[in-house]
Amino acid sequence: MTKALDIGCGSNPKNTFNADKLFGVDVREDVGANIYRADLVLEPIPFEDEFFEYVTAHDFIEHVPRVIYVPHRRNAFVELMNEVWRVLKTGGLFLSFTPAFPHAPAFRDPTHVNIITDETFSLYFDQVNRWATMYGFVGSFEIVSQEWRGPHLLSILRKVRI
């Protein structure tokens, strides 16, 4: 049985990979069945290690600050990527669908605080460069694919062992 997690899902998690069992995580109070409440800027993903074959983030990671200072300095986006890596099984897939630079929708919404480029994942979180390790990233992803869908960058990453 395959399991998928949609982070930042609101009240309607997406099952992009047609997993057998679907879960969601959102900051909202009015969460439903199989949707857990957590503020992923401040809290870990509320599941055990290597629980999911798939994790998806549709129009979510652009809302996660890169750095926060409450109560101390934290690299919130890097920590989120650590959490995604942690809850994925080895070989599991992470799908990110986000408005990205240089397109205006990446900047238009005042709650977009994390501007992604087509090099963010391939330079900072991949198994070759892993530049995010200098900020505390402990994982490693293989970039399976990246493509533009209008102003959105669709990225699929596979968890690999270090």
N, C-alpha and C. Protein backbone atom coordinates (compact mmCIF):
# COMPACT_ATOMS: atom_id res chain seq x y z
N MET A 1 0.84 -1.18 0.00
CA MET A 1 0.00 0.00 0.00
C MET A 1 0.89 1.25 0.00
N THR A 2 0.70 2.11 -0.99
CA THR A 2 1.49 3.34 -1.07
C THR A 2 0.79 4.47 -0.32
N LYS A 3 1.61 5.36 0.26
CA LYS A 3 1.10 6.49 1.03
C LYS A 3 1.69 7.79 0.50
N ALA A 4 0.82 8.80 0.41
CA ALA A 4 1.24 10.12 -0.05
C ALA A 4 0.86 11.16 0.98
N LEU A 5 1.68 12.21 1.06
CA LEU A 5 1.43 13.34 1.94
C LEU A 5 1.44 14.60 1.10
N ASP A 6 0.40 15.41 1.22
CA ASP A 6 0.33 16.71 0.54
C ASP A 6 0.48 17.78 1.60
N ILE A 7 1.60 18.52 1.58
CA ILE A 7 1.85 19.54 2.59
C ILE A 7 1.30 20.89 2.12
N GLY A 8 0.73 21.63 3.08
CA GLY A 8 0.09 22.89 2.74
C GLY A 8 -1.16 22.66 1.92
N CYS A 9 -1.90 21.62 2.24
CA CYS A 9 -2.98 21.13 1.38
C CYS A 9 -4.31 21.85 1.54
N GLY A 10 -4.47 22.68 2.57
CA GLY A 10 -5.79 23.24 2.82
C GLY A 10 -6.74 22.13 3.22
N SER A 11 -7.99 22.24 2.82
CA SER A 11 -8.97 21.22 3.18
C SER A 11 -9.10 20.13 2.14
N ASN A 12 -8.28 20.19 1.07
CA ASN A 12 -8.42 19.24 -0.04
C ASN A 12 -7.05 18.76 -0.53
N PRO A 13 -6.46 17.75 0.13
CA PRO A 13 -5.15 17.27 -0.33
C PRO A 13 -5.22 16.67 -1.73
N LYS A 14 -4.14 16.85 -2.47
CA LYS A 14 -4.05 16.32 -3.83
C LYS A 14 -3.31 14.99 -3.82
N ASN A 15 -3.79 14.06 -4.62
CA ASN A 15 -3.19 12.73 -4.72
C ASN A 15 -2.56 12.58 -6.11
N THR A 16 -1.55 13.37 -6.37
CA THR A 16 -0.92 13.45 -7.69
C THR A 16 -0.40 12.11 -8.19
N PHE A 17 0.09 11.28 -7.29
CA PHE A 17 0.69 10.00 -7.67
C PHE A 17 -0.26 8.82 -7.50
N ASN A 18 -1.55 9.10 -7.24
CA ASN A 18 -2.57 8.06 -7.07
C ASN A 18 -2.18 7.01 -6.03
N ALA A 19 -1.70 7.49 -4.89
CA ALA A 19 -1.34 6.59 -3.79
C ALA A 19 -2.58 5.92 -3.23
N ASP A 20 -2.37 4.80 -2.58
CA ASP A 20 -3.48 4.07 -1.96
C ASP A 20 -4.05 4.81 -0.76
N LYS A 21 -3.20 5.49 -0.01
CA LYS A 21 -3.65 6.21 1.18
C LYS A 21 -3.09 7.62 1.12
N LEU A 22 -3.96 8.61 1.36
CA LEU A 22 -3.60 10.02 1.24
C LEU A 22 -3.72 10.73 2.58
N PHE A 23 -2.69 11.52 2.90
CA PHE A 23 -2.68 12.34 4.10
C PHE A 23 -2.38 13.77 3.70
N GLY A 24 -2.69 14.69 4.60
CA GLY A 24 -2.38 16.09 4.38
C GLY A 24 -1.88 16.73 5.65
N VAL A 25 -1.17 17.84 5.50
CA VAL A 25 -0.75 18.68 6.62
C VAL A 25 -1.03 20.12 6.23
N ASP A 26 -1.64 20.86 7.15
CA ASP A 26 -1.92 22.26 6.89
C ASP A 26 -1.94 23.02 8.20
N VAL A 27 -1.78 24.33 8.13
CA VAL A 27 -1.76 25.19 9.30
C VAL A 27 -3.18 25.52 9.76
N ARG A 28 -4.16 25.25 8.93
CA ARG A 28 -5.55 25.61 9.24
C ARG A 28 -6.08 24.86 10.46
N GLU A 29 -7.04 25.46 11.11
CA GLU A 29 -7.68 24.85 12.28
C GLU A 29 -8.75 23.84 11.87
N ASP A 30 -9.39 24.06 10.71
CA ASP A 30 -10.53 23.25 10.30
C ASP A 30 -10.10 22.07 9.42
N VAL A 31 -9.15 21.30 9.92
CA VAL A 31 -8.65 20.16 9.16
C VAL A 31 -9.63 18.99 9.29
N GLY A 32 -9.65 18.12 8.26
CA GLY A 32 -10.56 16.99 8.24
C GLY A 32 -9.83 15.68 8.43
N ALA A 33 -10.48 14.61 8.03
CA ALA A 33 -9.93 13.27 8.16
C ALA A 33 -8.61 13.15 7.39
N ASN A 34 -7.65 12.54 8.02
CA ASN A 34 -6.31 12.31 7.45
C ASN A 34 -5.56 13.60 7.13
N ILE A 35 -6.04 14.74 7.63
CA ILE A 35 -5.31 16.00 7.50
C ILE A 35 -4.89 16.43 8.90
N TYR A 36 -3.61 16.61 9.08
CA TYR A 36 -3.05 16.95 10.38
C TYR A 36 -2.69 18.42 10.41
N ARG A 37 -2.87 19.03 11.59
CA ARG A 37 -2.54 20.44 11.74
C ARG A 37 -1.11 20.57 12.22
N ALA A 38 -0.33 21.35 11.49
CA ALA A 38 1.03 21.69 11.89
C ALA A 38 1.45 22.94 11.11
N ASP A 39 2.19 23.79 11.77
CA ASP A 39 2.79 24.95 11.11
C ASP A 39 4.19 24.52 10.69
N LEU A 40 4.35 24.15 9.44
CA LEU A 40 5.61 23.58 8.97
C LEU A 40 6.75 24.60 8.88
N VAL A 41 6.47 25.86 9.13
CA VAL A 41 7.53 26.85 9.25
C VAL A 41 8.24 26.67 10.60
N LEU A 42 7.48 26.23 11.60
CA LEU A 42 8.00 26.11 12.96
C LEU A 42 8.06 24.68 13.49
N GLU A 43 7.26 23.79 12.92
CA GLU A 43 7.11 22.45 13.47
C GLU A 43 7.52 21.38 12.46
N PRO A 44 7.89 20.21 12.96
CA PRO A 44 8.21 19.10 12.04
C PRO A 44 6.94 18.54 11.40
N ILE A 45 7.13 17.82 10.32
CA ILE A 45 6.02 17.08 9.72
C ILE A 45 5.64 15.98 10.71
N PRO A 46 4.36 15.90 11.10
CA PRO A 46 3.96 15.00 12.20
C PRO A 46 3.79 13.53 11.79
N PHE A 47 4.83 12.97 11.20
CA PHE A 47 4.84 11.56 10.82
C PHE A 47 6.22 11.00 11.09
N GLU A 48 6.29 9.69 11.22
CA GLU A 48 7.56 9.02 11.50
C GLU A 48 8.47 9.01 10.27
N ASP A 49 9.72 8.70 10.50
CA ASP A 49 10.72 8.62 9.45
C ASP A 49 10.32 7.59 8.39
N GLU A 50 10.61 7.91 7.15
CA GLU A 50 10.42 7.02 6.00
C GLU A 50 9.02 6.40 5.96
N PHE A 51 8.01 7.24 6.12
CA PHE A 51 6.61 6.79 6.16
C PHE A 51 5.94 6.85 4.79
N PHE A 52 6.40 7.73 3.91
CA PHE A 52 5.70 8.00 2.66
C PHE A 52 6.52 7.62 1.43
N GLU A 53 5.81 7.17 0.40
CA GLU A 53 6.42 7.00 -0.92
C GLU A 53 6.42 8.32 -1.69
N TYR A 54 5.47 9.21 -1.33
CA TYR A 54 5.31 10.47 -2.06
C TYR A 54 5.02 11.61 -1.08
N VAL A 55 5.63 12.76 -1.35
CA VAL A 55 5.27 14.01 -0.67
C VAL A 55 5.08 15.04 -1.78
N THR A 56 4.00 15.81 -1.69
CA THR A 56 3.74 16.85 -2.69
C THR A 56 3.53 18.19 -1.99
N ALA A 57 3.86 19.25 -2.72
CA ALA A 57 3.66 20.62 -2.24
C ALA A 57 3.19 21.45 -3.42
N HIS A 58 1.91 21.73 -3.47
CA HIS A 58 1.32 22.53 -4.55
C HIS A 58 1.10 23.95 -4.03
N ASP A 59 1.77 24.91 -4.66
CA ASP A 59 1.62 26.32 -4.26
C ASP A 59 1.81 26.50 -2.76
N PHE A 60 2.87 25.91 -2.23
CA PHE A 60 3.12 25.97 -0.79
C PHE A 60 4.51 26.49 -0.44
N ILE A 61 5.57 25.97 -1.04
CA ILE A 61 6.91 26.30 -0.54
C ILE A 61 7.27 27.77 -0.71
N GLU A 62 6.59 28.47 -1.61
CA GLU A 62 6.85 29.90 -1.76
C GLU A 62 6.37 30.70 -0.55
N HIS A 63 5.58 30.05 0.33
CA HIS A 63 5.08 30.70 1.55
C HIS A 63 5.95 30.41 2.77
N VAL A 64 6.96 29.56 2.61
CA VAL A 64 7.84 29.18 3.73
C VAL A 64 9.06 30.09 3.73
N PRO A 65 9.22 30.90 4.76
CA PRO A 65 10.37 31.82 4.79
C PRO A 65 11.70 31.07 4.72
N ARG A 66 12.65 31.70 4.10
CA ARG A 66 13.99 31.10 4.06
C ARG A 66 14.65 31.16 5.43
N VAL A 67 14.51 32.30 6.11
CA VAL A 67 15.10 32.49 7.43
C VAL A 67 14.06 33.15 8.33
N ILE A 68 13.99 32.67 9.57
CA ILE A 68 13.16 33.33 10.59
C ILE A 68 14.02 33.56 11.83
N TYR A 69 13.58 34.47 12.68
CA TYR A 69 14.37 34.84 13.86
C TYR A 69 13.56 34.70 15.14
N VAL A 70 12.61 33.79 15.18
CA VAL A 70 11.76 33.64 16.36
C VAL A 70 11.78 32.18 16.78
N PRO A 71 12.15 31.78 17.93
CA PRO A 71 12.80 32.63 18.95
C PRO A 71 14.28 32.83 18.69
N HIS A 72 14.84 32.08 17.76
CA HIS A 72 16.24 32.26 17.38
C HIS A 72 16.34 32.06 15.87
N ARG A 73 17.49 32.31 15.31
CA ARG A 73 17.67 32.20 13.86
C ARG A 73 17.50 30.76 13.40
N ARG A 74 16.61 30.56 12.42
CA ARG A 74 16.36 29.24 11.84
C ARG A 74 16.25 29.37 10.34
N ASN A 75 16.77 28.40 9.63
CA ASN A 75 16.63 28.32 8.17
C ASN A 75 15.39 27.48 7.88
N ALA A 76 14.22 28.10 7.95
CA ALA A 76 12.95 27.38 7.90
C ALA A 76 12.76 26.57 6.63
N PHE A 77 13.14 27.11 5.48
CA PHE A 77 12.97 26.36 4.22
C PHE A 77 13.89 25.15 4.17
N VAL A 78 15.14 25.32 4.60
CA VAL A 78 16.07 24.18 4.64
C VAL A 78 15.55 23.12 5.61
N GLU A 79 15.04 23.56 6.75
CA GLU A 79 14.50 22.60 7.72
C GLU A 79 13.27 21.87 7.16
N LEU A 80 12.45 22.57 6.38
CA LEU A 80 11.32 21.90 5.73
C LEU A 80 11.83 20.84 4.75
N MET A 81 12.86 21.16 3.99
CA MET A 81 13.42 20.18 3.06
C MET A 81 14.01 18.99 3.81
N ASN A 82 14.60 19.23 4.99
CA ASN A 82 15.06 18.12 5.83
C ASN A 82 13.89 17.24 6.25
N GLU A 83 12.78 17.87 6.59
CA GLU A 83 11.60 17.11 7.01
C GLU A 83 11.02 16.29 5.86
N VAL A 84 10.96 16.88 4.67
CA VAL A 84 10.48 16.14 3.51
C VAL A 84 11.37 14.92 3.28
N TRP A 85 12.67 15.12 3.33
CA TRP A 85 13.62 14.02 3.14
C TRP A 85 13.43 12.96 4.22
N ARG A 86 13.22 13.40 5.47
CA ARG A 86 13.06 12.49 6.60
C ARG A 86 11.85 11.57 6.45
N VAL A 87 10.70 12.13 6.06
CA VAL A 87 9.47 11.32 6.02
C VAL A 87 9.34 10.49 4.75
N LEU A 88 10.17 10.77 3.74
CA LEU A 88 10.13 9.97 2.51
C LEU A 88 10.93 8.68 2.69
N LYS A 89 10.43 7.61 2.12
CA LYS A 89 11.19 6.37 2.04
C LYS A 89 12.32 6.58 1.03
N THR A 90 13.40 5.85 1.17
CA THR A 90 14.46 5.91 0.17
C THR A 90 13.86 5.54 -1.18
N GLY A 91 14.13 6.36 -2.17
CA GLY A 91 13.54 6.18 -3.50
C GLY A 91 12.21 6.90 -3.66
N GLY A 92 11.68 7.46 -2.56
CA GLY A 92 10.41 8.17 -2.62
C GLY A 92 10.55 9.49 -3.37
N LEU A 93 9.41 10.01 -3.83
CA LEU A 93 9.39 11.20 -4.67
C LEU A 93 8.79 12.40 -3.96
N PHE A 94 9.42 13.56 -4.16
CA PHE A 94 8.89 14.84 -3.71
C PHE A 94 8.55 15.66 -4.94
N LEU A 95 7.31 16.13 -5.02
CA LEU A 95 6.87 16.98 -6.11
C LEU A 95 6.60 18.37 -5.58
N SER A 96 7.23 19.36 -6.19
CA SER A 96 7.00 20.76 -5.86
C SER A 96 6.40 21.44 -7.08
N PHE A 97 5.32 22.16 -6.89
CA PHE A 97 4.67 22.94 -7.94
C PHE A 97 4.51 24.34 -7.39
N THR A 98 5.34 25.28 -7.88
CA THR A 98 5.39 26.60 -7.28
C THR A 98 5.63 27.68 -8.32
N PRO A 99 5.01 28.86 -8.16
CA PRO A 99 5.38 29.96 -9.04
C PRO A 99 6.84 30.32 -8.78
N ALA A 100 7.57 30.57 -9.85
CA ALA A 100 9.02 30.74 -9.70
C ALA A 100 9.55 31.90 -10.53
N PHE A 101 10.73 32.36 -10.15
CA PHE A 101 11.45 33.40 -10.87
C PHE A 101 11.72 32.92 -12.30
N PRO A 102 11.56 33.75 -13.32
CA PRO A 102 11.41 35.21 -13.30
C PRO A 102 9.96 35.66 -13.47
N HIS A 103 9.01 34.81 -13.28
CA HIS A 103 7.61 35.13 -13.57
C HIS A 103 6.97 35.97 -12.46
N ALA A 104 6.16 36.93 -12.86
CA ALA A 104 5.52 37.88 -11.93
C ALA A 104 4.73 37.20 -10.81
N PRO A 105 3.99 36.10 -11.06
CA PRO A 105 3.25 35.49 -9.96
C PRO A 105 4.11 35.03 -8.78
N ALA A 106 5.41 34.82 -9.02
CA ALA A 106 6.29 34.47 -7.90
C ALA A 106 6.40 35.62 -6.91
N PHE A 107 6.25 36.86 -7.39
CA PHE A 107 6.42 38.05 -6.57
C PHE A 107 5.11 38.75 -6.21
N ARG A 108 4.08 38.52 -6.99
CA ARG A 108 2.84 39.29 -6.89
C ARG A 108 2.16 39.15 -5.53
N ASP A 109 2.05 37.95 -5.04
CA ASP A 109 1.36 37.68 -3.78
C ASP A 109 2.26 38.13 -2.62
N PRO A 110 1.78 39.01 -1.74
CA PRO A 110 2.62 39.49 -0.64
C PRO A 110 2.99 38.42 0.37
N THR A 111 2.35 37.26 0.31
CA THR A 111 2.72 36.17 1.23
C THR A 111 3.77 35.24 0.62
N HIS A 112 4.20 35.52 -0.60
CA HIS A 112 5.29 34.74 -1.21
C HIS A 112 6.61 35.31 -0.68
N VAL A 113 7.26 34.55 0.17
CA VAL A 113 8.49 35.02 0.83
C VAL A 113 9.70 34.15 0.47
N ASN A 114 9.49 33.15 -0.35
CA ASN A 114 10.56 32.21 -0.72
C ASN A 114 10.53 32.08 -2.24
N ILE A 115 11.36 32.84 -2.91
CA ILE A 115 11.36 32.83 -4.37
C ILE A 115 12.26 31.69 -4.86
N ILE A 116 11.67 30.77 -5.58
CA ILE A 116 12.35 29.59 -6.10
C ILE A 116 12.80 29.88 -7.53
N THR A 117 13.95 29.33 -7.91
CA THR A 117 14.40 29.41 -9.30
C THR A 117 14.56 27.99 -9.84
N ASP A 118 14.86 27.89 -11.11
CA ASP A 118 15.07 26.56 -11.68
C ASP A 118 16.40 25.95 -11.25
N GLU A 119 17.18 26.67 -10.43
CA GLU A 119 18.42 26.13 -9.89
C GLU A 119 18.37 25.85 -8.39
N THR A 120 17.29 26.23 -7.73
CA THR A 120 17.22 26.06 -6.28
C THR A 120 17.43 24.61 -5.88
N PHE A 121 16.66 23.70 -6.45
CA PHE A 121 16.77 22.29 -6.07
C PHE A 121 18.06 21.67 -6.59
N SER A 122 18.41 21.98 -7.84
CA SER A 122 19.56 21.31 -8.46
C SER A 122 20.90 21.74 -7.88
N LEU A 123 20.98 22.91 -7.30
CA LEU A 123 22.24 23.33 -6.70
C LEU A 123 22.29 23.11 -5.19
N TYR A 124 21.17 23.29 -4.52
CA TYR A 124 21.18 23.27 -3.06
C TYR A 124 20.75 21.95 -2.43
N PHE A 125 19.92 21.18 -3.11
CA PHE A 125 19.35 19.99 -2.48
C PHE A 125 19.60 18.69 -3.24
N ASP A 126 20.36 18.75 -4.32
CA ASP A 126 20.60 17.54 -5.11
C ASP A 126 21.75 16.73 -4.53
N GLN A 127 21.98 15.55 -5.10
CA GLN A 127 23.01 14.66 -4.59
C GLN A 127 24.41 15.02 -5.10
N VAL A 128 24.51 15.99 -6.00
CA VAL A 128 25.81 16.37 -6.56
C VAL A 128 26.39 17.58 -5.82
N ASN A 129 25.67 18.68 -5.79
CA ASN A 129 26.19 19.91 -5.20
C ASN A 129 25.92 20.03 -3.70
N ARG A 130 24.67 19.83 -3.31
CA ARG A 130 24.23 19.87 -1.91
C ARG A 130 24.70 21.14 -1.18
N TRP A 131 24.60 22.29 -1.86
CA TRP A 131 25.04 23.53 -1.24
C TRP A 131 24.28 23.86 0.03
N ALA A 132 23.07 23.36 0.19
CA ALA A 132 22.28 23.66 1.40
C ALA A 132 22.85 23.00 2.65
N THR A 133 23.83 22.10 2.51
CA THR A 133 24.44 21.51 3.71
C THR A 133 25.09 22.58 4.58
N MET A 134 25.55 23.68 3.97
CA MET A 134 26.14 24.75 4.78
C MET A 134 25.10 25.44 5.65
N TYR A 135 23.80 25.21 5.36
CA TYR A 135 22.72 25.78 6.16
C TYR A 135 22.00 24.72 6.99
N GLY A 136 22.56 23.50 7.02
CA GLY A 136 21.98 22.45 7.87
C GLY A 136 21.21 21.37 7.14
N PHE A 137 21.22 21.36 5.81
CA PHE A 137 20.52 20.29 5.08
C PHE A 137 21.28 18.98 5.25
N VAL A 138 20.56 17.92 5.61
CA VAL A 138 21.19 16.63 5.87
C VAL A 138 20.86 15.58 4.82
N GLY A 139 19.97 15.89 3.90
CA GLY A 139 19.51 14.90 2.93
C GLY A 139 20.21 14.99 1.60
N SER A 140 19.60 14.29 0.64
CA SER A 140 20.11 14.28 -0.72
C SER A 140 19.00 13.84 -1.65
N PHE A 141 18.80 14.60 -2.71
CA PHE A 141 17.78 14.28 -3.70
C PHE A 141 18.40 14.18 -5.09
N GLU A 142 17.87 13.27 -5.87
CA GLU A 142 18.17 13.23 -7.30
C GLU A 142 17.08 14.05 -7.99
N ILE A 143 17.47 14.93 -8.89
CA ILE A 143 16.49 15.71 -9.65
C ILE A 143 15.99 14.80 -10.77
N VAL A 144 14.75 14.35 -10.65
CA VAL A 144 14.15 13.47 -11.66
C VAL A 144 13.75 14.28 -12.88
N SER A 145 13.06 15.42 -12.63
CA SER A 145 12.63 16.27 -13.74
C SER A 145 12.28 17.65 -13.23
N GLN A 146 12.37 18.61 -14.14
CA GLN A 146 11.88 19.96 -13.89
C GLN A 146 11.33 20.48 -15.20
N GLU A 147 10.18 21.13 -15.11
CA GLU A 147 9.59 21.73 -16.31
C GLU A 147 8.74 22.91 -15.91
N TRP A 148 8.63 23.83 -16.83
CA TRP A 148 7.79 25.00 -16.62
C TRP A 148 6.37 24.68 -17.06
N ARG A 149 5.42 25.06 -16.23
CA ARG A 149 4.00 25.01 -16.55
C ARG A 149 3.48 26.42 -16.36
N GLY A 150 3.60 27.21 -17.42
CA GLY A 150 3.30 28.63 -17.30
C GLY A 150 4.28 29.25 -16.32
N PRO A 151 3.80 30.02 -15.33
CA PRO A 151 4.71 30.63 -14.37
C PRO A 151 5.15 29.68 -13.24
N HIS A 152 4.62 28.47 -13.25
CA HIS A 152 4.94 27.49 -12.20
C HIS A 152 6.08 26.58 -12.64
N LEU A 153 6.96 26.29 -11.69
CA LEU A 153 8.02 25.31 -11.89
C LEU A 153 7.59 24.01 -11.24
N LEU A 154 7.49 22.97 -12.04
CA LEU A 154 7.14 21.63 -11.56
C LEU A 154 8.44 20.86 -11.42
N SER A 155 8.78 20.50 -10.19
CA SER A 155 10.03 19.78 -9.91
C SER A 155 9.69 18.46 -9.24
N ILE A 156 10.34 17.39 -9.67
CA ILE A 156 10.20 16.09 -9.04
C ILE A 156 11.58 15.63 -8.60
N LEU A 157 11.71 15.35 -7.31
CA LEU A 157 12.98 14.94 -6.71
C LEU A 157 12.81 13.56 -6.09
N ARG A 158 13.85 12.74 -6.17
CA ARG A 158 13.84 11.40 -5.57
C ARG A 158 14.82 11.38 -4.40
N LYS A 159 14.35 10.87 -3.25
CA LYS A 159 15.22 10.73 -2.08
C LYS A 159 16.27 9.67 -2.36
N VAL A 160 17.53 10.04 -2.16
CA VAL A 160 18.63 9.10 -2.28
C VAL A 160 19.41 9.10 -0.96
N ARG A 161 20.04 7.99 -0.68
CA ARG A 161 20.90 7.90 0.50
C ARG A 161 22.19 8.63 0.24
N ILE A 162 22.73 9.17 1.28
CA ILE A 162 23.97 9.93 1.17
C ILE A 162 25.15 8.96 1.16
